[in-house]
Amino acid sequence: MSSNLVSTQIADEAFSVTPSDSLNNNFSYLFVGTGGNIAFVPEGGSTTVTLNNVPTGSFVWVRTNKINSTNTTASQIVGFR
């Protein structure tokens, strides 16, 4: 049995993301305009996770507390809440 997970959440707000190692960026999911790595702290977590080689034009379905500037090479990131 295959499982295809699709978010049914509609965003009320969208923000241009400026990665920061000190500021919280709480988002429900992300859009990556220019591909690369995304380093983030998941909602409810305290450890940074890095997604490597996220392709251009991808949606990343993660809830975040922070999008770190260290190790984030992707750009034109949009965060949705």
Protein backbone atom coordinates (compact mmCIF):
# COMPACT_ATOMS: atom_id res chain seq x y z
CA MET A 1 0.00 0.00 0.00
CA SER A 2 1.51 3.32 -1.01
CA SER A 3 1.07 6.49 1.00
CA ASN A 4 1.02 9.92 -0.62
CA LEU A 5 0.97 12.68 1.96
CA VAL A 6 -0.44 15.97 0.75
CA SER A 7 -0.94 18.95 2.99
CA THR A 8 -4.48 20.26 3.06
CA GLN A 9 -3.50 23.33 5.02
CA ILE A 10 -4.19 26.65 3.34
CA ALA A 11 -1.89 29.49 4.37
CA ASP A 12 -3.33 32.74 5.71
CA GLU A 13 0.01 34.55 5.45
CA ALA A 14 3.19 34.39 3.36
CA PHE A 15 6.55 35.97 4.20
CA SER A 16 9.89 36.36 2.51
CA VAL A 17 12.28 34.40 4.74
CA THR A 18 15.54 35.91 5.93
CA PRO A 19 17.42 33.02 7.55
CA SER A 20 18.78 33.87 11.00
CA ASP A 21 20.63 31.93 13.67
CA SER A 22 19.07 34.06 16.42
CA LEU A 23 15.52 35.00 15.34
CA ASN A 24 12.60 32.61 15.37
CA ASN A 25 10.84 32.01 12.06
CA ASN A 26 7.69 30.02 12.75
CA PHE A 27 6.22 28.62 9.53
CA SER A 28 3.90 25.77 8.59
CA TYR A 29 5.69 25.08 5.30
CA LEU A 30 8.19 26.64 2.89
CA PHE A 31 8.59 27.31 -0.81
CA VAL A 32 12.15 27.29 -2.19
CA GLY A 33 12.67 29.66 -5.13
CA THR A 34 16.34 28.81 -5.68
CA GLY A 35 17.49 25.37 -4.58
CA GLY A 36 20.16 24.50 -2.04
CA ASN A 37 20.37 23.43 1.60
CA ILE A 38 17.90 24.48 4.30
CA ALA A 39 18.99 24.31 7.94
CA PHE A 40 16.10 24.62 10.37
CA VAL A 41 14.90 23.80 13.86
CA PRO A 42 11.62 21.82 13.70
CA GLU A 43 8.62 22.97 15.71
CA GLY A 44 8.88 21.53 19.20
CA GLY A 45 12.53 20.65 18.70
CA SER A 46 15.86 22.14 19.68
CA THR A 47 18.25 20.44 17.26
CA THR A 48 19.03 21.82 13.81
CA VAL A 49 18.15 19.61 10.85
CA THR A 50 19.62 20.25 7.40
CA LEU A 51 17.85 19.23 4.22
CA ASN A 52 20.49 18.98 1.49
CA ASN A 53 20.00 19.78 -2.18
CA VAL A 54 16.37 20.92 -1.99
CA PRO A 55 15.41 21.51 -5.64
CA THR A 56 14.36 24.87 -7.05
CA GLY A 57 10.59 25.29 -7.00
CA SER A 58 10.00 22.84 -4.14
CA PHE A 59 7.54 23.01 -1.28
CA VAL A 60 9.00 21.74 1.99
CA TRP A 61 6.29 20.47 4.31
CA VAL A 62 7.83 21.09 7.73
CA ARG A 63 6.76 23.17 10.73
CA THR A 64 9.69 25.30 11.79
CA ASN A 65 10.82 27.28 14.82
CA LYS A 66 13.82 28.73 13.04
CA ILE A 67 15.43 28.84 9.58
CA ASN A 68 19.14 29.13 10.31
CA SER A 69 21.48 31.26 8.24
CA THR A 70 24.36 28.89 9.00
CA ASN A 71 24.30 26.06 6.42
CA THR A 72 21.30 27.44 4.52
CA THR A 73 22.32 27.93 0.89
CA ALA A 74 18.85 27.94 -0.68
CA SER A 75 17.42 31.38 -1.41
CA GLN A 76 14.20 33.11 -2.36
CA ILE A 77 12.50 31.15 0.42
CA VAL A 78 8.88 31.96 1.21
CA GLY A 79 7.41 30.87 4.56
CA PHE A 80 3.68 30.21 4.97
CA ARG A 81 1.53 30.27 8.11
